[in-house]
PDB file of N, CA and C in Angstrom:
ATOM      1  N   MET A   1      93.468 127.424  96.060  1.00  0.00           N
ATOM      2  CA  MET A   1      93.893 126.655  97.159  1.00  0.00           C
ATOM      3  C   MET A   1      92.856 125.617  97.407  1.00  0.00           C
ATOM      4  N   LEU A   2      91.712 126.012  97.504  1.00  0.00           N
ATOM      5  CA  LEU A   2      90.703 125.035  97.785  1.00  0.00           C
ATOM      6  C   LEU A   2      90.340 124.113  96.594  1.00  0.00           C
ATOM      7  N   ASP A   3      90.451 124.519  95.428  1.00  0.00           N
ATOM      8  CA  ASP A   3      90.250 123.602  94.337  1.00  0.00           C
ATOM      9  C   ASP A   3      91.340 122.542  94.413  1.00  0.00           C
ATOM     10  N   TYR A   4      92.471 122.965  94.728  1.00  0.00           N
ATOM     11  CA  TYR A   4      93.663 121.979  94.677  1.00  0.00           C
ATOM     12  C   TYR A   4      93.387 121.017  95.815  1.00  0.00           C
ATOM     13  N   VAL A   5      92.920 121.467  97.093  1.00  0.00           N
ATOM     14  CA  VAL A   5      92.679 120.476  98.097  1.00  0.00           C
ATOM     15  C   VAL A   5      91.395 119.492  97.619  1.00  0.00           C
ATOM     16  N   VAL A   6      90.535 120.018  97.013  1.00  0.00           N
ATOM     17  CA  VAL A   6      89.497 119.070  96.678  1.00  0.00           C
ATOM     18  C   VAL A   6      90.000 117.908  95.583  1.00  0.00           C
ATOM     19  N   LYS A   7      90.872 118.520  94.666  1.00  0.00           N
ATOM     20  CA  LYS A   7      91.529 117.604  93.736  1.00  0.00           C
ATOM     21  C   LYS A   7      92.511 116.461  94.437  1.00  0.00           C
ATOM     22  N   LEU A   8      93.235 117.064  95.236  1.00  0.00           N
ATOM     23  CA  LEU A   8      94.089 116.158  95.945  1.00  0.00           C
ATOM     24  C   LEU A   8      93.296 115.167  96.823  1.00  0.00           C
ATOM     25  N   THR A   9      92.140 115.662  97.385  1.00  0.00           N
ATOM     26  CA  THR A   9      91.341 114.516  98.163  1.00  0.00           C
ATOM     27  C   THR A   9      90.588 113.468  97.339  1.00  0.00           C
ATOM     28  N   LYS A  10      90.108 113.970  96.139  1.00  0.00           N
ATOM     29  CA  LYS A  10      89.214 113.257  95.368  1.00  0.00           C
ATOM     30  C   LYS A  10      89.849 112.412  94.333  1.00  0.00           C
ATOM     31  N   THR A  11      90.904 112.996  93.696  1.00  0.00           N
ATOM     32  CA  THR A  11      91.812 112.395  92.639  1.00  0.00           C
ATOM     33  C   THR A  11      93.204 112.683  92.645  1.00  0.00           C
ATOM     34  N   SER A  12      93.816 112.274  93.728  1.00  0.00           N
ATOM     35  CA  SER A  12      95.225 112.531  93.889  1.00  0.00           C
ATOM     36  C   SER A  12      96.048 112.169  92.994  1.00  0.00           C
ATOM     37  N   GLY A  13      95.837 111.125  92.195  1.00  0.00           N
ATOM     38  CA  GLY A  13      96.779 110.615  91.189  1.00  0.00           C
ATOM     39  C   GLY A  13      96.777 111.708  90.026  1.00  0.00           C
ATOM     40  N   ALA A  14      95.565 112.425  89.980  1.00  0.00           N
ATOM     41  CA  ALA A  14      95.599 113.622  88.818  1.00  0.00           C
ATOM     42  C   ALA A  14      96.378 114.848  89.045  1.00  0.00           C
ATOM     43  N   VAL A  15      96.851 114.943  90.191  1.00  0.00           N
ATOM     44  CA  VAL A  15      97.551 116.145  90.558  1.00  0.00           C
ATOM     45  C   VAL A  15      98.737 116.232  89.696  1.00  0.00           C
ATOM     46  N   CYS A  16      99.178 117.452  89.249  1.00  0.00           N
ATOM     47  CA  CYS A  16     100.415 117.583  88.378  1.00  0.00           C
ATOM     48  C   CYS A  16     100.938 118.871  88.448  1.00  0.00           C
ATOM     49  N   GLU A  17     101.994 118.880  87.752  1.00  0.00           N
ATOM     50  CA  GLU A  17     102.704 120.425  87.671  1.00  0.00           C
ATOM     51  C   GLU A  17     101.867 121.629  87.517  1.00  0.00           C
ATOM     52  N   VAL A  18     100.769 121.441  86.637  1.00  0.00           N
ATOM     53  CA  VAL A  18     100.072 122.642  86.422  1.00  0.00           C
ATOM     54  C   VAL A  18      99.412 123.000  87.656  1.00  0.00           C
ATOM     55  N   ASP A  19      98.886 122.172  88.467  1.00  0.00           N
ATOM     56  CA  ASP A  19      98.185 122.490  89.773  1.00  0.00           C
ATOM     57  C   ASP A  19      99.315 123.218  90.595  1.00  0.00           C
ATOM     58  N   LEU A  20     100.321 122.893  90.560  1.00  0.00           N
ATOM     59  CA  LEU A  20     101.472 123.505  91.490  1.00  0.00           C
ATOM     60  C   LEU A  20     101.792 125.034  90.876  1.00  0.00           C
ATOM     61  N   VAL A  21     101.823 124.979  89.649  1.00  0.00           N
ATOM     62  CA  VAL A  21     101.988 126.219  89.082  1.00  0.00           C
ATOM     63  C   VAL A  21     100.950 127.368  89.471  1.00  0.00           C
ATOM     64  N   ALA A  22      99.764 126.800  89.230  1.00  0.00           N
ATOM     65  CA  ALA A  22      98.634 127.662  89.578  1.00  0.00           C
ATOM     66  C   ALA A  22      98.596 128.177  91.174  1.00  0.00           C
ATOM     67  N   LEU A  23      99.156 127.198  92.114  1.00  0.00           N
ATOM     68  CA  LEU A  23      99.312 127.600  93.318  1.00  0.00           C
ATOM     69  C   LEU A  23     100.340 128.664  93.508  1.00  0.00           C
ATOM     70  N   ARG A  24     101.436 128.477  92.955  1.00  0.00           N
ATOM     71  CA  ARG A  24     102.677 129.439  93.112  1.00  0.00           C
ATOM     72  C   ARG A  24     102.275 130.761  92.475  1.00  0.00           C
ATOM     73  N   ALA A  25     101.099 130.967  91.669  1.00  0.00           N
ATOM     74  CA  ALA A  25     100.769 132.118  91.006  1.00  0.00           C
ATOM     75  C   ALA A  25      99.876 132.785  92.016  1.00  0.00           C
ATOM     76  N   GLN A  26      99.530 132.232  93.150  1.00  0.00           N
ATOM     77  CA  GLN A  26      98.430 133.033  94.153  1.00  0.00           C
ATOM     78  C   GLN A  26      99.080 134.190  94.801  1.00  0.00           C
ATOM     79  N   PRO A  27     100.086 134.305  95.302  1.00  0.00           N
ATOM     80  CA  PRO A  27     101.372 133.481  95.332  1.00  0.00           C
ATOM     81  C   PRO A  27     101.606 132.635  96.534  1.00  0.00           C
ATOM     82  N   LEU A  28     101.775 131.435  96.537  1.00  0.00           N
ATOM     83  CA  LEU A  28     102.244 130.421  97.418  1.00  0.00           C
ATOM     84  C   LEU A  28     103.525 129.777  97.047  1.00  0.00           C
ATOM     85  N   ASN A  29     104.401 129.817  98.149  1.00  0.00           N
ATOM     86  CA  ASN A  29     105.643 129.140  97.925  1.00  0.00           C
ATOM     87  C   ASN A  29     105.512 127.646  98.190  1.00  0.00           C
ATOM     88  N   ASP A  30     106.826 127.086  97.921  1.00  0.00           N
ATOM     89  CA  ASP A  30     106.885 125.484  98.286  1.00  0.00           C
ATOM     90  C   ASP A  30     106.478 125.021  99.542  1.00  0.00           C
ATOM     91  N   ARG A  31     106.824 125.917 100.528  1.00  0.00           N
ATOM     92  CA  ARG A  31     106.647 125.692 101.906  1.00  0.00           C
ATOM     93  C   ARG A  31     105.145 125.749 102.260  1.00  0.00           C
ATOM     94  N   ASP A  32     104.482 126.720 101.550  1.00  0.00           N
ATOM     95  CA  ASP A  32     102.885 126.850 101.699  1.00  0.00           C
ATOM     96  C   ASP A  32     102.232 125.690 101.159  1.00  0.00           C
ATOM     97  N   ILE A  33     102.680 125.188  99.950  1.00  0.00           N
ATOM     98  CA  ILE A  33     102.130 124.132  99.340  1.00  0.00           C
ATOM     99  C   ILE A  33     102.315 122.906 100.129  1.00  0.00           C
ATOM    100  N   LEU A  34     103.399 122.650 100.838  1.00  0.00           N
ATOM    101  CA  LEU A  34     103.785 121.566 101.589  1.00  0.00           C
ATOM    102  C   LEU A  34     102.836 121.578 102.850  1.00  0.00           C
ATOM    103  N   ASP A  35     102.699 122.595 103.481  1.00  0.00           N
ATOM    104  CA  ASP A  35     101.702 122.753 104.525  1.00  0.00           C
ATOM    105  C   ASP A  35     100.398 122.608 104.206  1.00  0.00           C
ATOM    106  N   ILE A  36      99.848 123.002 103.212  1.00  0.00           N
ATOM    107  CA  ILE A  36      98.487 122.704 102.428  1.00  0.00           C
ATOM    108  C   ILE A  36      98.343 121.177 102.488  1.00  0.00           C
ATOM    109  N   ASN A  37      99.319 120.459 101.868  1.00  0.00           N
ATOM    110  CA  ASN A  37      99.204 119.042 101.646  1.00  0.00           C
ATOM    111  C   ASN A  37      99.156 118.278 103.059  1.00  0.00           C
ATOM    112  N   GLN A  38     100.170 118.769 103.953  1.00  0.00           N
ATOM    113  CA  GLN A  38     100.159 118.116 105.403  1.00  0.00           C
ATOM    114  C   GLN A  38      98.963 118.337 106.095  1.00  0.00           C
ATOM    115  N   VAL A  39      98.302 119.366 106.012  1.00  0.00           N
ATOM    116  CA  VAL A  39      97.052 119.595 106.903  1.00  0.00           C
ATOM    117  C   VAL A  39      95.910 118.825 106.173  1.00  0.00           C
ATOM    118  N   MET A  40      95.984 118.641 104.826  1.00  0.00           N
ATOM    119  CA  MET A  40      94.919 117.939 104.112  1.00  0.00           C
ATOM    120  C   MET A  40      94.807 116.327 104.365  1.00  0.00           C
ATOM    121  N   VAL A  41      96.331 115.960 104.502  1.00  0.00           N
ATOM    122  CA  VAL A  41      96.405 114.634 104.608  1.00  0.00           C
ATOM    123  C   VAL A  41      96.229 114.168 105.954  1.00  0.00           C
ATOM    124  N   TYR A  42      96.585 115.048 106.948  1.00  0.00           N
ATOM    125  CA  TYR A  42      96.447 114.672 108.373  1.00  0.00           C
ATOM    126  C   TYR A  42      94.931 114.466 108.664  1.00  0.00           C
ATOM    127  N   PHE A  43      94.149 115.365 108.113  1.00  0.00           N
ATOM    128  CA  PHE A  43      92.693 115.298 108.472  1.00  0.00           C
ATOM    129  C   PHE A  43      92.122 114.001 107.845  1.00  0.00           C
ATOM    130  N   ALA A  44      92.385 113.877 106.472  1.00  0.00           N
ATOM    131  CA  ALA A  44      92.007 112.766 105.856  1.00  0.00           C
ATOM    132  C   ALA A  44      92.366 111.293 106.585  1.00  0.00           C
ATOM    133  N   TYR A  45      93.604 111.295 106.976  1.00  0.00           N
ATOM    134  CA  TYR A  45      94.022 110.176 107.988  1.00  0.00           C
ATOM    135  C   TYR A  45      93.281 109.956 109.254  1.00  0.00           C
ATOM    136  N   VAL A  46      93.112 111.043 109.970  1.00  0.00           N
ATOM    137  CA  VAL A  46      92.449 110.998 111.154  1.00  0.00           C
ATOM    138  C   VAL A  46      91.026 110.647 111.000  1.00  0.00           C
ATOM    139  N   ASN A  47      90.399 111.146 110.023  1.00  0.00           N
ATOM    140  CA  ASN A  47      88.916 110.852 109.687  1.00  0.00           C
ATOM    141  C   ASN A  47      88.788 109.215 109.317  1.00  0.00           C
ATOM    142  N   ARG A  48      89.759 108.826 108.618  1.00  0.00           N
ATOM    143  CA  ARG A  48      89.631 107.494 108.014  1.00  0.00           C
ATOM    144  C   ARG A  48      89.874 106.451 109.251  1.00  0.00           C
ATOM    145  N   VAL A  49      90.732 106.728 110.158  1.00  0.00           N
ATOM    146  CA  VAL A  49      90.933 106.039 111.369  1.00  0.00           C
ATOM    147  C   VAL A  49      89.666 105.963 112.320  1.00  0.00           C
ATOM    148  N   ALA A  50      89.170 107.158 112.487  1.00  0.00           N
ATOM    149  CA  ALA A  50      87.906 107.262 113.266  1.00  0.00           C
ATOM    150  C   ALA A  50      86.826 106.427 112.594  1.00  0.00           C
ATOM    151  N   ASP A  51      86.671 106.644 111.254  1.00  0.00           N
ATOM    152  CA  ASP A  51      85.591 105.922 110.651  1.00  0.00           C
ATOM    153  C   ASP A  51      85.705 104.446 110.743  1.00  0.00           C
ATOM    154  N   GLY A  52      87.118 103.875 110.463  1.00  0.00           N
ATOM    155  CA  GLY A  52      87.390 102.517 110.503  1.00  0.00           C
ATOM    156  C   GLY A  52      87.198 101.970 112.070  1.00  0.00           C
ATOM    157  N   LEU A  53      87.253 102.884 113.099  1.00  0.00           N
ATOM    158  CA  LEU A  53      87.027 102.374 114.336  1.00  0.00           C
ATOM    159  C   LEU A  53      85.660 102.549 114.890  1.00  0.00           C
ATOM    160  N   GLY A  54      84.727 103.098 113.901  1.00  0.00           N
ATOM    161  CA  GLY A  54      83.312 103.509 114.346  1.00  0.00           C
ATOM    162  C   GLY A  54      83.232 104.679 115.326  1.00  0.00           C
ATOM    163  N   VAL A  55      84.213 105.547 115.382  1.00  0.00           N
ATOM    164  CA  VAL A  55      84.001 106.658 116.431  1.00  0.00           C
ATOM    165  C   VAL A  55      82.916 107.674 115.767  1.00  0.00           C
ATOM    166  N   ARG A  56      82.152 108.045 116.547  1.00  0.00           N
ATOM    167  CA  ARG A  56      81.133 108.883 116.394  1.00  0.00           C
ATOM    168  C   ARG A  56      81.113 110.125 117.180  1.00  0.00           C
ATOM    169  N   VAL A  57      80.890 111.387 116.683  1.00  0.00           N
ATOM    170  CA  VAL A  57      80.815 112.487 117.540  1.00  0.00           C
ATOM    171  C   VAL A  57      79.390 113.059 117.883  1.00  0.00           C
ATOM    172  N   ASP A  58      79.317 113.236 119.386  1.00  0.00           N
ATOM    173  CA  ASP A  58      77.992 113.645 119.735  1.00  0.00           C
ATOM    174  C   ASP A  58      77.573 114.957 119.301  1.00  0.00           C
ATOM    175  N   ASP A  59      76.173 115.200 119.032  1.00  0.00           N
ATOM    176  CA  ASP A  59      75.631 116.416 118.572  1.00  0.00           C
ATOM    177  C   ASP A  59      75.906 117.504 119.609  1.00  0.00           C
TER     178      ASP A  59
END
């Protein structure tokens, strides 16, 4: 699952059916895969918005 998330994050255009087959063999169902995608893209979106606005987190 983490390999899939890294691939989706870094090279989303390279994700293909083989990646989904590997996830289903875990076994994850299509709903699980959808949830993985939604969580990953939400965090990517929020981080990019924060970065774009110069938001910094205090230590």
